[in-house]
Amino acid sequence: MSQYNAMDMEYDPVSLFDKPAMFTNARVDRNTVPDGLYAYDIRHGDDGNATTVEKAVLVNHMGTVITAEPLDFGEADYIPLDYEECDLNFAAEHDSGTIEEFRQYVSELQQAQGDEPAMTQEMS
């Protein structure tokens, strides 16, 4: 299975649970995702629709999402995606682009909302 450098790719804008995110059909090498960003895989069902978000997907890999906030899996290995609720929405309000452009967008969004930019917080 080929994995790609997160910094060398172009992404499509999405929202995941109503938060901005970036999507690619490729498998992203987690070691290339910058600090302060998080990568998760999307699994599709037999109908082709996204069914779960997981830390890593081997079978039925739909793509990888990059987020600015960590997801809370609790004790579970995955988080179900509700197709009807548009948990994974490809009609996002931000532009496609690179990781750096996404970081800039999130920073501007957080500043407009009066939040500290996630990119400057220490996250693991």
PDB file of N, CA and C in Angstrom:
ATOM      1  N   MET A   1       0.833  -1.190   0.000  1.00  0.00           N
ATOM      2  CA  MET A   1       0.000   0.000   0.000  1.00  0.00           C
ATOM      3  C   MET A   1       0.873   1.248   0.000  1.00  0.00           C
ATOM      4  N   SER A   2       0.693   2.063  -0.982  1.00  0.00           N
ATOM      5  CA  SER A   2       1.456   3.308  -1.063  1.00  0.00           C
ATOM      6  C   SER A   2       0.859   4.356  -0.135  1.00  0.00           C
ATOM      7  N   GLN A   3       1.743   5.065   0.534  1.00  0.00           N
ATOM      8  CA  GLN A   3       1.338   6.204   1.344  1.00  0.00           C
ATOM      9  C   GLN A   3       2.051   7.427   0.807  1.00  0.00           C
ATOM     10  N   TYR A   4       1.389   8.557   0.895  1.00  0.00           N
ATOM     11  CA  TYR A   4       1.901   9.779   0.295  1.00  0.00           C
ATOM     12  C   TYR A   4       2.214  10.824   1.359  1.00  0.00           C
ATOM     13  N   ASN A   5       3.177  11.668   1.045  1.00  0.00           N
ATOM     14  CA  ASN A   5       3.571  12.759   1.924  1.00  0.00           C
ATOM     15  C   ASN A   5       2.438  13.782   1.982  1.00  0.00           C
ATOM     16  N   ALA A   6       1.963  14.074   3.167  1.00  0.00           N
ATOM     17  CA  ALA A   6       0.842  15.003   3.364  1.00  0.00           C
ATOM     18  C   ALA A   6       1.133  16.378   2.794  1.00  0.00           C
ATOM     19  N   MET A   7       2.388  16.782   2.828  1.00  0.00           N
ATOM     20  CA  MET A   7       2.757  18.129   2.411  1.00  0.00           C
ATOM     21  C   MET A   7       2.867  18.280   0.888  1.00  0.00           C
ATOM     22  N   ASP A   8       2.863  17.168   0.162  1.00  0.00           N
ATOM     23  CA  ASP A   8       3.032  17.204  -1.290  1.00  0.00           C
ATOM     24  C   ASP A   8       1.711  17.066  -2.041  1.00  0.00           C
ATOM     25  N   MET A   9       0.600  17.089  -1.334  1.00  0.00           N
ATOM     26  CA  MET A   9      -0.681  16.774  -1.965  1.00  0.00           C
ATOM     27  C   MET A   9      -1.610  17.968  -2.033  1.00  0.00           C
ATOM     28  N   GLU A  10      -2.562  17.880  -2.942  1.00  0.00           N
ATOM     29  CA  GLU A  10      -3.695  18.804  -3.011  1.00  0.00           C
ATOM     30  C   GLU A  10      -4.898  18.087  -2.407  1.00  0.00           C
ATOM     31  N   TYR A  11      -5.710  18.814  -1.671  1.00  0.00           N
ATOM     32  CA  TYR A  11      -6.854  18.238  -0.973  1.00  0.00           C
ATOM     33  C   TYR A  11      -8.148  18.917  -1.413  1.00  0.00           C
ATOM     34  N   ASP A  12      -9.239  18.197  -1.237  1.00  0.00           N
ATOM     35  CA  ASP A  12     -10.568  18.751  -1.471  1.00  0.00           C
ATOM     36  C   ASP A  12     -11.145  19.206  -0.138  1.00  0.00           C
ATOM     37  N   PRO A  13     -11.875  20.321  -0.149  1.00  0.00           N
ATOM     38  CA  PRO A  13     -12.470  20.801   1.098  1.00  0.00           C
ATOM     39  C   PRO A  13     -13.667  19.949   1.487  1.00  0.00           C
ATOM     40  N   VAL A  14     -13.758  19.650   2.762  1.00  0.00           N
ATOM     41  CA  VAL A  14     -14.915  18.947   3.327  1.00  0.00           C
ATOM     42  C   VAL A  14     -15.179  19.518   4.704  1.00  0.00           C
ATOM     43  N   SER A  15     -16.316  19.149   5.250  1.00  0.00           N
ATOM     44  CA  SER A  15     -16.511  19.358   6.682  1.00  0.00           C
ATOM     45  C   SER A  15     -16.765  17.987   7.290  1.00  0.00           C
ATOM     46  N   LEU A  16     -16.199  17.777   8.457  1.00  0.00           N
ATOM     47  CA  LEU A  16     -16.351  16.527   9.194  1.00  0.00           C
ATOM     48  C   LEU A  16     -16.948  16.879  10.539  1.00  0.00           C
ATOM     49  N   PHE A  17     -18.171  16.419  10.768  1.00  0.00           N
ATOM     50  CA  PHE A  17     -18.903  16.782  11.983  1.00  0.00           C
ATOM     51  C   PHE A  17     -18.965  18.299  12.145  1.00  0.00           C
ATOM     52  N   ASP A  18     -19.255  18.985  11.045  1.00  0.00           N
ATOM     53  CA  ASP A  18     -19.428  20.447  10.986  1.00  0.00           C
ATOM     54  C   ASP A  18     -18.156  21.244  11.272  1.00  0.00           C
ATOM     55  N   LYS A  19     -16.992  20.614  11.138  1.00  0.00           N
ATOM     56  CA  LYS A  19     -15.706  21.292  11.298  1.00  0.00           C
ATOM     57  C   LYS A  19     -14.961  21.228   9.965  1.00  0.00           C
ATOM     58  N   PRO A  20     -14.201  22.284   9.625  1.00  0.00           N
ATOM     59  CA  PRO A  20     -13.459  22.248   8.362  1.00  0.00           C
ATOM     60  C   PRO A  20     -12.416  21.141   8.364  1.00  0.00           C
ATOM     61  N   ALA A  21     -12.276  20.506   7.217  1.00  0.00           N
ATOM     62  CA  ALA A  21     -11.288  19.441   7.039  1.00  0.00           C
ATOM     63  C   ALA A  21     -10.908  19.394   5.566  1.00  0.00           C
ATOM     64  N   MET A  22      -9.874  18.628   5.281  1.00  0.00           N
ATOM     65  CA  MET A  22      -9.434  18.430   3.901  1.00  0.00           C
ATOM     66  C   MET A  22      -9.446  16.932   3.620  1.00  0.00           C
ATOM     67  N   PHE A  23      -9.798  16.560   2.379  1.00  0.00           N
ATOM     68  CA  PHE A  23      -9.961  15.159   1.993  1.00  0.00           C
ATOM     69  C   PHE A  23      -9.107  14.824   0.781  1.00  0.00           C
ATOM     70  N   THR A  24      -8.550  13.628   0.795  1.00  0.00           N
ATOM     71  CA  THR A  24      -7.898  13.052  -0.375  1.00  0.00           C
ATOM     72  C   THR A  24      -8.255  11.574  -0.444  1.00  0.00           C
ATOM     73  N   ASN A  25      -8.323  11.049  -1.656  1.00  0.00           N
ATOM     74  CA  ASN A  25      -8.562   9.613  -1.819  1.00  0.00           C
ATOM     75  C   ASN A  25      -7.332   8.795  -1.465  1.00  0.00           C
ATOM     76  N   ALA A  26      -6.191   9.426  -1.379  1.00  0.00           N
ATOM     77  CA  ALA A  26      -4.923   8.729  -1.134  1.00  0.00           C
ATOM     78  C   ALA A  26      -4.765   8.363   0.342  1.00  0.00           C
ATOM     79  N   ARG A  27      -3.845   7.458   0.578  1.00  0.00           N
ATOM     80  CA  ARG A  27      -3.430   7.135   1.949  1.00  0.00           C
ATOM     81  C   ARG A  27      -2.287   8.072   2.312  1.00  0.00           C
ATOM     82  N   VAL A  28      -2.435   8.782   3.407  1.00  0.00           N
ATOM     83  CA  VAL A  28      -1.441   9.770   3.820  1.00  0.00           C
ATOM     84  C   VAL A  28      -0.524   9.167   4.888  1.00  0.00           C
ATOM     85  N   ASP A  29       0.759   9.322   4.695  1.00  0.00           N
ATOM     86  CA  ASP A  29       1.759   8.894   5.665  1.00  0.00           C
ATOM     87  C   ASP A  29       1.626   9.783   6.897  1.00  0.00           C
ATOM     88  N   ARG A  30       1.225   9.204   8.015  1.00  0.00           N
ATOM     89  CA  ARG A  30       0.985   9.968   9.240  1.00  0.00           C
ATOM     90  C   ARG A  30       2.237  10.688   9.728  1.00  0.00           C
ATOM     91  N   ASN A  31       3.402  10.162   9.413  1.00  0.00           N
ATOM     92  CA  ASN A  31       4.655  10.800   9.846  1.00  0.00           C
ATOM     93  C   ASN A  31       4.908  12.118   9.130  1.00  0.00           C
ATOM     94  N   THR A  32       4.156  12.411   8.074  1.00  0.00           N
ATOM     95  CA  THR A  32       4.361  13.648   7.319  1.00  0.00           C
ATOM     96  C   THR A  32       3.299  14.703   7.628  1.00  0.00           C
ATOM     97  N   VAL A  33       2.365  14.377   8.519  1.00  0.00           N
ATOM     98  CA  VAL A  33       1.323  15.338   8.910  1.00  0.00           C
ATOM     99  C   VAL A  33       1.918  16.274   9.963  1.00  0.00           C
ATOM    100  N   PRO A  34       1.872  17.579   9.730  1.00  0.00           N
ATOM    101  CA  PRO A  34       2.480  18.522  10.679  1.00  0.00           C
ATOM    102  C   PRO A  34       1.816  18.484  12.062  1.00  0.00           C
ATOM    103  N   ASP A  35       2.597  18.828  13.079  1.00  0.00           N
ATOM    104  CA  ASP A  35       2.058  18.967  14.437  1.00  0.00           C
ATOM    105  C   ASP A  35       0.886  19.944  14.409  1.00  0.00           C
ATOM    106  N   GLY A  36      -0.141  19.635  15.167  1.00  0.00           N
ATOM    107  CA  GLY A  36      -1.315  20.502  15.230  1.00  0.00           C
ATOM    108  C   GLY A  36      -2.376  20.138  14.218  1.00  0.00           C
ATOM    109  N   LEU A  37      -2.085  19.182  13.337  1.00  0.00           N
ATOM    110  CA  LEU A  37      -3.080  18.652  12.412  1.00  0.00           C
ATOM    111  C   LEU A  37      -3.194  17.153  12.650  1.00  0.00           C
ATOM    112  N   TYR A  38      -4.337  16.582  12.258  1.00  0.00           N
ATOM    113  CA  TYR A  38      -4.637  15.189  12.560  1.00  0.00           C
ATOM    114  C   TYR A  38      -5.158  14.504  11.301  1.00  0.00           C
ATOM    115  N   ALA A  39      -4.721  13.280  11.064  1.00  0.00           N
ATOM    116  CA  ALA A  39      -5.144  12.517   9.895  1.00  0.00           C
ATOM    117  C   ALA A  39      -5.953  11.305  10.340  1.00  0.00           C
ATOM    118  N   TYR A  40      -7.049  11.084   9.659  1.00  0.00           N
ATOM    119  CA  TYR A  40      -7.923   9.942   9.913  1.00  0.00           C
ATOM    120  C   TYR A  40      -8.357   9.356   8.582  1.00  0.00           C
ATOM    121  N   ASP A  41      -8.649   8.073   8.573  1.00  0.00           N
ATOM    122  CA  ASP A  41      -9.127   7.413   7.369  1.00  0.00           C
ATOM    123  C   ASP A  41     -10.639   7.274   7.388  1.00  0.00           C
ATOM    124  N   ILE A  42     -11.200   7.286   6.191  1.00  0.00           N
ATOM    125  CA  ILE A  42     -12.637   7.088   6.005  1.00  0.00           C
ATOM    126  C   ILE A  42     -12.836   5.728   5.362  1.00  0.00           C
ATOM    127  N   ARG A  43     -13.740   4.930   5.936  1.00  0.00           N
ATOM    128  CA  ARG A  43     -14.108   3.627   5.374  1.00  0.00           C
ATOM    129  C   ARG A  43     -15.432   3.774   4.637  1.00  0.00           C
ATOM    130  N   HIS A  44     -15.519   3.152   3.485  1.00  0.00           N
ATOM    131  CA  HIS A  44     -16.790   3.140   2.761  1.00  0.00           C
ATOM    132  C   HIS A  44     -17.437   1.776   2.887  1.00  0.00           C
ATOM    133  N   GLY A  45     -18.754   1.775   2.779  1.00  0.00           N
ATOM    134  CA  GLY A  45     -19.505   0.527   2.788  1.00  0.00           C
ATOM    135  C   GLY A  45     -19.606  -0.041   1.387  1.00  0.00           C
ATOM    136  N   ASP A  46     -20.327  -1.144   1.264  1.00  0.00           N
ATOM    137  CA  ASP A  46     -20.495  -1.783  -0.034  1.00  0.00           C
ATOM    138  C   ASP A  46     -21.242  -0.902  -1.023  1.00  0.00           C
ATOM    139  N   ASP A  47     -22.017   0.058  -0.508  1.00  0.00           N
ATOM    140  CA  ASP A  47     -22.750   0.980  -1.387  1.00  0.00           C
ATOM    141  C   ASP A  47     -21.887   2.155  -1.843  1.00  0.00           C
ATOM    142  N   GLY A  48     -20.648   2.243  -1.358  1.00  0.00           N
ATOM    143  CA  GLY A  48     -19.749   3.321  -1.748  1.00  0.00           C
ATOM    144  C   GLY A  48     -19.825   4.545  -0.863  1.00  0.00           C
ATOM    145  N   ASN A  49     -20.795   4.608   0.034  1.00  0.00           N
ATOM    146  CA  ASN A  49     -20.933   5.748   0.941  1.00  0.00           C
ATOM    147  C   ASN A  49     -19.995   5.612   2.133  1.00  0.00           C
ATOM    148  N   ALA A  50     -19.547   6.749   2.644  1.00  0.00           N
ATOM    149  CA  ALA A  50     -18.706   6.769   3.833  1.00  0.00           C
ATOM    150  C   ALA A  50     -19.491   6.223   5.018  1.00  0.00           C
ATOM    151  N   THR A  51     -18.874   5.301   5.769  1.00  0.00           N
ATOM    152  CA  THR A  51     -19.572   4.690   6.894  1.00  0.00           C
ATOM    153  C   THR A  51     -18.931   4.989   8.248  1.00  0.00           C
ATOM    154  N   THR A  52     -17.584   5.074   8.269  1.00  0.00           N
ATOM    155  CA  THR A  52     -16.904   5.328   9.542  1.00  0.00           C
ATOM    156  C   THR A  52     -15.662   6.174   9.318  1.00  0.00           C
ATOM    157  N   VAL A  53     -15.253   6.861  10.364  1.00  0.00           N
ATOM    158  CA  VAL A  53     -13.947   7.512  10.412  1.00  0.00           C
ATOM    159  C   VAL A  53     -13.134   6.723  11.434  1.00  0.00           C
ATOM    160  N   GLU A  54     -11.883   6.406  11.054  1.00  0.00           N
ATOM    161  CA  GLU A  54     -11.037   5.552  11.878  1.00  0.00           C
ATOM    162  C   GLU A  54      -9.609   6.082  11.880  1.00  0.00           C
ATOM    163  N   LYS A  55      -8.840   5.619  12.831  1.00  0.00           N
ATOM    164  CA  LYS A  55      -7.438   6.031  12.876  1.00  0.00           C
ATOM    165  C   LYS A  55      -6.676   5.466  11.679  1.00  0.00           C
ATOM    166  N   ALA A  56      -7.036   4.277  11.238  1.00  0.00           N
ATOM    167  CA  ALA A  56      -6.418   3.668  10.058  1.00  0.00           C
ATOM    168  C   ALA A  56      -7.380   2.644   9.473  1.00  0.00           C
ATOM    169  N   VAL A  57      -7.501   2.630   8.160  1.00  0.00           N
ATOM    170  CA  VAL A  57      -8.370   1.698   7.446  1.00  0.00           C
ATOM    171  C   VAL A  57      -7.529   0.929   6.439  1.00  0.00           C
ATOM    172  N   LEU A  58      -7.641  -0.391   6.456  1.00  0.00           N
ATOM    173  CA  LEU A  58      -6.934  -1.213   5.484  1.00  0.00           C
ATOM    174  C   LEU A  58      -7.863  -1.636   4.346  1.00  0.00           C
ATOM    175  N   VAL A  59      -9.076  -2.057   4.668  1.00  0.00           N
ATOM    176  CA  VAL A  59     -10.028  -2.551   3.679  1.00  0.00           C
ATOM    177  C   VAL A  59     -11.156  -1.541   3.525  1.00  0.00           C
ATOM    178  N   ASN A  60     -11.580  -1.306   2.281  1.00  0.00           N
ATOM    179  CA  ASN A  60     -12.631  -0.329   1.968  1.00  0.00           C
ATOM    180  C   ASN A  60     -12.206   1.093   2.330  1.00  0.00           C
ATOM    181  N   HIS A  61     -10.949   1.411   2.041  1.00  0.00           N
ATOM    182  CA  HIS A  61     -10.420   2.750   2.286  1.00  0.00           C
ATOM    183  C   HIS A  61     -10.997   3.715   1.260  1.00  0.00           C
ATOM    184  N   MET A  62     -11.764   4.687   1.727  1.00  0.00           N
ATOM    185  CA  MET A  62     -12.342   5.702   0.838  1.00  0.00           C
ATOM    186  C   MET A  62     -11.380   6.869   0.654  1.00  0.00           C
ATOM    187  N   GLY A  63     -10.686   7.226   1.740  1.00  0.00           N
ATOM    188  CA  GLY A  63      -9.772   8.345   1.676  1.00  0.00           C
ATOM    189  C   GLY A  63      -9.283   8.730   3.054  1.00  0.00           C
ATOM    190  N   THR A  64      -8.531   9.825   3.090  1.00  0.00           N
ATOM    191  CA  THR A  64      -7.969  10.354   4.329  1.00  0.00           C
ATOM    192  C   THR A  64      -8.461  11.777   4.518  1.00  0.00           C
ATOM    193  N   VAL A  65      -8.828  12.122   5.749  1.00  0.00           N
ATOM    194  CA  VAL A  65      -9.184  13.497   6.081  1.00  0.00           C
ATOM    195  C   VAL A  65      -8.134  14.067   7.021  1.00  0.00           C
ATOM    196  N   ILE A  66      -7.867  15.351   6.836  1.00  0.00           N
ATOM    197  CA  ILE A  66      -6.963  16.099   7.707  1.00  0.00           C
ATOM    198  C   ILE A  66      -7.814  17.100   8.462  1.00  0.00           C
ATOM    199  N   THR A  67      -7.684  17.116   9.789  1.00  0.00           N
ATOM    200  CA  THR A  67      -8.451  18.028  10.631  1.00  0.00           C
ATOM    201  C   THR A  67      -7.518  18.881  11.474  1.00  0.00           C
ATOM    202  N   ALA A  68      -8.068  19.976  11.983  1.00  0.00           N
ATOM    203  CA  ALA A  68      -7.294  20.852  12.859  1.00  0.00           C
ATOM    204  C   ALA A  68      -7.534  20.534  14.326  1.00  0.00           C
ATOM    205  N   GLU A  69      -8.490  19.667  14.590  1.00  0.00           N
ATOM    206  CA  GLU A  69      -8.799  19.271  15.962  1.00  0.00           C
ATOM    207  C   GLU A  69      -8.830  17.754  16.042  1.00  0.00           C
ATOM    208  N   PRO A  70      -8.350  17.196  17.154  1.00  0.00           N
ATOM    209  CA  PRO A  70      -8.412  15.736  17.287  1.00  0.00           C
ATOM    210  C   PRO A  70      -9.854  15.275  17.462  1.00  0.00           C
ATOM    211  N   LEU A  71     -10.138  14.085  16.961  1.00  0.00           N
ATOM    212  CA  LEU A  71     -11.457  13.482  17.158  1.00  0.00           C
ATOM    213  C   LEU A  71     -11.431  12.646  18.428  1.00  0.00           C
ATOM    214  N   ASP A  72     -12.561  12.594  19.119  1.00  0.00           N
ATOM    215  CA  ASP A  72     -12.677  11.805  20.341  1.00  0.00           C
ATOM    216  C   ASP A  72     -13.344  10.472  20.011  1.00  0.00           C
ATOM    217  N   PHE A  73     -12.546   9.414  19.993  1.00  0.00           N
ATOM    218  CA  PHE A  73     -13.059   8.076  19.717  1.00  0.00           C
ATOM    219  C   PHE A  73     -13.573   7.406  20.980  1.00  0.00           C
ATOM    220  N   GLY A  74     -13.307   8.006  22.141  1.00  0.00           N
ATOM    221  CA  GLY A  74     -13.683   7.355  23.389  1.00  0.00           C
ATOM    222  C   GLY A  74     -13.005   5.991  23.464  1.00  0.00           C
ATOM    223  N   GLU A  75     -13.757   4.975  23.768  1.00  0.00           N
ATOM    224  CA  GLU A  75     -13.231   3.604  23.847  1.00  0.00           C
ATOM    225  C   GLU A  75     -13.349   2.870  22.511  1.00  0.00           C
ATOM    226  N   ALA A  76     -13.969   3.506  21.525  1.00  0.00           N
ATOM    227  CA  ALA A  76     -14.254   2.835  20.255  1.00  0.00           C
ATOM    228  C   ALA A  76     -13.063   2.900  19.297  1.00  0.00           C
ATOM    229  N   ASP A  77     -13.082   2.018  18.313  1.00  0.00           N
ATOM    230  CA  ASP A  77     -12.069   2.007  17.262  1.00  0.00           C
ATOM    231  C   ASP A  77     -12.473   2.883  16.084  1.00  0.00           C
ATOM    232  N   TYR A  78     -13.727   3.305  16.060  1.00  0.00           N
ATOM    233  CA  TYR A  78     -14.234   4.097  14.943  1.00  0.00           C
ATOM    234  C   TYR A  78     -15.378   4.991  15.405  1.00  0.00           C
ATOM    235  N   ILE A  79     -15.691   5.976  14.557  1.00  0.00           N
ATOM    236  CA  ILE A  79     -16.847   6.836  14.784  1.00  0.00           C
ATOM    237  C   ILE A  79     -17.762   6.662  13.568  1.00  0.00           C
ATOM    238  N   PRO A  80     -19.008   6.271  13.791  1.00  0.00           N
ATOM    239  CA  PRO A  80     -19.923   6.099  12.660  1.00  0.00           C
ATOM    240  C   PRO A  80     -20.219   7.433  11.981  1.00  0.00           C
ATOM    241  N   LEU A  81     -20.387   7.383  10.672  1.00  0.00           N
ATOM    242  CA  LEU A  81     -20.779   8.553   9.891  1.00  0.00           C
ATOM    243  C   LEU A  81     -22.212   8.373   9.429  1.00  0.00           C
ATOM    244  N   ASP A  82     -23.024   9.375   9.662  1.00  0.00           N
ATOM    245  CA  ASP A  82     -24.423   9.337   9.255  1.00  0.00           C
ATOM    246  C   ASP A  82     -24.558  10.057   7.915  1.00  0.00           C
ATOM    247  N   TYR A  83     -24.883   9.306   6.875  1.00  0.00           N
ATOM    248  CA  TYR A  83     -25.004   9.863   5.535  1.00  0.00           C
ATOM    249  C   TYR A  83     -26.101  10.916   5.486  1.00  0.00           C
ATOM    250  N   GLU A  84     -27.233  10.652   6.125  1.00  0.00           N
ATOM    251  CA  GLU A  84     -28.365  11.581   6.102  1.00  0.00           C
ATOM    252  C   GLU A  84     -28.054  12.886   6.824  1.00  0.00           C
ATOM    253  N   GLU A  85     -27.228  12.835   7.851  1.00  0.00           N
ATOM    254  CA  GLU A  85     -26.862  14.026   8.618  1.00  0.00           C
ATOM    255  C   GLU A  85     -25.673  14.773   8.015  1.00  0.00           C
ATOM    256  N   CYS A  86     -25.119  14.244   6.944  1.00  0.00           N
ATOM    257  CA  CYS A  86     -23.962  14.857   6.271  1.00  0.00           C
ATOM    258  C   CYS A  86     -22.781  15.030   7.228  1.00  0.00           C
ATOM    259  N   ASP A  87     -22.494  13.997   8.036  1.00  0.00           N
ATOM    260  CA  ASP A  87     -21.336  14.068   8.932  1.00  0.00           C
ATOM    261  C   ASP A  87     -20.052  14.328   8.156  1.00  0.00           C
ATOM    262  N   LEU A  88     -19.948  13.759   6.958  1.00  0.00           N
ATOM    263  CA  LEU A  88     -18.850  14.048   6.042  1.00  0.00           C
ATOM    264  C   LEU A  88     -19.476  14.760   4.851  1.00  0.00           C
ATOM    265  N   ASN A  89     -19.233  16.062   4.770  1.00  0.00           N
ATOM    266  CA  ASN A  89     -19.912  16.901   3.785  1.00  0.00           C
ATOM    267  C   ASN A  89     -18.895  17.430   2.777  1.00  0.00           C
ATOM    268  N   PHE A  90     -19.116  17.092   1.513  1.00  0.00           N
ATOM    269  CA  PHE A  90     -18.203  17.530   0.465  1.00  0.00           C
ATOM    270  C   PHE A  90     -18.570  18.902  -0.093  1.00  0.00           C
ATOM    271  N   ALA A  91     -19.565  19.547   0.482  1.00  0.00           N
ATOM    272  CA  ALA A  91     -19.961  20.897   0.066  1.00  0.00           C
ATOM    273  C   ALA A  91     -19.461  21.912   1.088  1.00  0.00           C
ATOM    274  N   ALA A  92     -18.181  21.846   1.400  1.00  0.00           N
ATOM    275  CA  ALA A  92     -17.596  22.727   2.410  1.00  0.00           C
ATOM    276  C   ALA A  92     -17.446  24.141   1.865  1.00  0.00           C
ATOM    277  N   GLU A  93     -17.304  25.089   2.779  1.00  0.00           N
ATOM    278  CA  GLU A  93     -17.241  26.505   2.416  1.00  0.00           C
ATOM    279  C   GLU A  93     -15.827  27.013   2.174  1.00  0.00           C
ATOM    280  N   HIS A  94     -14.822  26.202   2.382  1.00  0.00           N
ATOM    281  CA  HIS A  94     -13.448  26.652   2.132  1.00  0.00           C
ATOM    282  C   HIS A  94     -12.932  26.036   0.832  1.00  0.00           C
ATOM    283  N   ASP A  95     -11.796  26.527   0.377  1.00  0.00           N
ATOM    284  CA  ASP A  95     -11.254  26.114  -0.917  1.00  0.00           C
ATOM    285  C   ASP A  95     -10.391  24.868  -0.790  1.00  0.00           C
ATOM    286  N   SER A  96     -10.229  24.193  -1.928  1.00  0.00           N
ATOM    287  CA  SER A  96      -9.284  23.088  -1.972  1.00  0.00           C
ATOM    288  C   SER A  96      -7.874  23.663  -1.936  1.00  0.00           C
ATOM    289  N   GLY A  97      -6.929  22.811  -1.656  1.00  0.00           N
ATOM    290  CA  GLY A  97      -5.563  23.306  -1.625  1.00  0.00           C
ATOM    291  C   GLY A  97      -4.630  22.404  -0.866  1.00  0.00           C
ATOM    292  N   THR A  98      -3.568  23.017  -0.369  1.00  0.00           N
ATOM    293  CA  THR A  98      -2.502  22.309   0.324  1.00  0.00           C
ATOM    294  C   THR A  98      -2.725  22.360   1.837  1.00  0.00           C
ATOM    295  N   ILE A  99      -1.897  21.611   2.532  1.00  0.00           N
ATOM    296  CA  ILE A  99      -1.919  21.627   4.000  1.00  0.00           C
ATOM    297  C   ILE A  99      -1.673  23.042   4.514  1.00  0.00           C
ATOM    298  N   GLU A 100      -0.699  23.738   3.949  1.00  0.00           N
ATOM    299  CA  GLU A 100      -0.388  25.096   4.415  1.00  0.00           C
ATOM    300  C   GLU A 100      -1.562  26.042   4.199  1.00  0.00           C
ATOM    301  N   GLU A 101      -2.242  25.920   3.085  1.00  0.00           N
ATOM    302  CA  GLU A 101      -3.422  26.760   2.836  1.00  0.00           C
ATOM    303  C   GLU A 101      -4.542  26.429   3.818  1.00  0.00           C
ATOM    304  N   PHE A 102      -4.692  25.159   4.153  1.00  0.00           N
ATOM    305  CA  PHE A 102      -5.692  24.757   5.141  1.00  0.00           C
ATOM    306  C   PHE A 102      -5.338  25.318   6.515  1.00  0.00           C
ATOM    307  N   ARG A 103      -4.081  25.235   6.897  1.00  0.00           N
ATOM    308  CA  ARG A 103      -3.649  25.786   8.191  1.00  0.00           C
ATOM    309  C   ARG A 103      -3.950  27.280   8.263  1.00  0.00           C
ATOM    310  N   GLN A 104      -3.685  27.995   7.180  1.00  0.00           N
ATOM    311  CA  GLN A 104      -3.960  29.431   7.126  1.00  0.00           C
ATOM    312  C   GLN A 104      -5.452  29.700   7.258  1.00  0.00           C
ATOM    313  N   TYR A 105      -6.268  28.928   6.553  1.00  0.00           N
ATOM    314  CA  TYR A 105      -7.726  29.085   6.618  1.00  0.00           C
ATOM    315  C   TYR A 105      -8.232  28.865   8.042  1.00  0.00           C
ATOM    316  N   VAL A 106      -7.786  27.800   8.678  1.00  0.00           N
ATOM    317  CA  VAL A 106      -8.229  27.490  10.044  1.00  0.00           C
ATOM    318  C   VAL A 106      -7.784  28.585  11.003  1.00  0.00           C
ATOM    319  N   SER A 107      -6.568  29.071  10.852  1.00  0.00           N
ATOM    320  CA  SER A 107      -6.064  30.137  11.710  1.00  0.00           C
ATOM    321  C   SER A 107      -6.917  31.400  11.574  1.00  0.00           C
ATOM    322  N   GLU A 108      -7.221  31.780  10.339  1.00  0.00           N
ATOM    323  CA  GLU A 108      -8.057  32.961  10.105  1.00  0.00           C
ATOM    324  C   GLU A 108      -9.466  32.770  10.660  1.00  0.00           C
ATOM    325  N   LEU A 109     -10.006  31.582  10.492  1.00  0.00           N
ATOM    326  CA  LEU A 109     -11.344  31.274  11.012  1.00  0.00           C
ATOM    327  C   LEU A 109     -11.368  31.380  12.536  1.00  0.00           C
ATOM    328  N   GLN A 110     -10.355  30.827  13.194  1.00  0.00           N
ATOM    329  CA  GLN A 110     -10.297  30.873  14.653  1.00  0.00           C
ATOM    330  C   GLN A 110     -10.090  32.289  15.161  1.00  0.00           C
ATOM    331  N   GLN A 111      -9.278  33.073  14.472  1.00  0.00           N
ATOM    332  CA  GLN A 111      -9.078  34.462  14.875  1.00  0.00           C
ATOM    333  C   GLN A 111     -10.368  35.257  14.734  1.00  0.00           C
ATOM    334  N   ALA A 112     -11.124  34.992  13.685  1.00  0.00           N
ATOM    335  CA  ALA A 112     -12.399  35.677  13.468  1.00  0.00           C
ATOM    336  C   ALA A 112     -13.406  35.313  14.554  1.00  0.00           C
ATOM    337  N   GLN A 113     -13.279  34.092  15.089  1.00  0.00           N
ATOM    338  CA  GLN A 113     -14.174  33.638  16.153  1.00  0.00           C
ATOM    339  C   GLN A 113     -13.633  33.968  17.540  1.00  0.00           C
ATOM    340  N   GLY A 114     -12.444  34.561  17.590  1.00  0.00           N
ATOM    341  CA  GLY A 114     -11.855  34.937  18.868  1.00  0.00           C
ATOM    342  C   GLY A 114     -11.149  33.803  19.586  1.00  0.00           C
ATOM    343  N   ASP A 115     -10.902  32.686  18.876  1.00  0.00           N
ATOM    344  CA  ASP A 115     -10.198  31.552  19.462  1.00  0.00           C
ATOM    345  C   ASP A 115      -8.723  31.672  19.190  1.00  0.00           C
ATOM    346  N   GLU A 116      -7.906  31.022  20.056  1.00  0.00           N
ATOM    347  CA  GLU A 116      -6.475  30.922  19.793  1.00  0.00           C
ATOM    348  C   GLU A 116      -6.283  29.953  18.641  1.00  0.00           C
ATOM    349  N   PRO A 117      -5.455  30.291  17.647  1.00  0.00           N
ATOM    350  CA  PRO A 117      -5.226  29.367  16.534  1.00  0.00           C
ATOM    351  C   PRO A 117      -4.709  28.029  17.012  1.00  0.00           C
ATOM    352  N   ALA A 118      -5.319  26.957  16.537  1.00  0.00           N
ATOM    353  CA  ALA A 118      -4.929  25.603  16.936  1.00  0.00           C
ATOM    354  C   ALA A 118      -3.488  25.300  16.545  1.00  0.00           C
ATOM    355  N   MET A 119      -2.999  25.938  15.488  1.00  0.00           N
ATOM    356  CA  MET A 119      -1.665  25.642  15.007  1.00  0.00           C
ATOM    357  C   MET A 119      -0.582  26.117  15.969  1.00  0.00           C
ATOM    358  N   THR A 120      -0.932  27.001  16.897  1.00  0.00           N
ATOM    359  CA  THR A 120       0.073  27.488  17.837  1.00  0.00           C
ATOM    360  C   THR A 120      -0.028  26.766  19.177  1.00  0.00           C
ATOM    361  N   GLN A 121      -1.045  25.934  19.343  1.00  0.00           N
ATOM    362  CA  GLN A 121      -1.202  25.191  20.581  1.00  0.00           C
ATOM    363  C   GLN A 121      -0.345  23.945  20.510  1.00  0.00           C
ATOM    364  N   GLU A 122       0.153  23.487  21.641  1.00  0.00           N
ATOM    365  CA  GLU A 122       0.927  22.261  21.697  1.00  0.00           C
ATOM    366  C   GLU A 122      -0.038  21.090  21.752  1.00  0.00           C
ATOM    367  N   MET A 123      -0.068  20.290  20.683  1.00  0.00           N
ATOM    368  CA  MET A 123      -0.954  19.134  20.625  1.00  0.00           C
ATOM    369  C   MET A 123      -0.136  17.922  20.215  1.00  0.00           C
ATOM    370  N   SER A 124      -0.576  16.753  20.668  1.00  0.00           N
ATOM    371  CA  SER A 124       0.115  15.524  20.254  1.00  0.00           C
ATOM    372  C   SER A 124      -0.845  14.613  19.560  1.00  0.00           C
TER     373      SER A 124
END
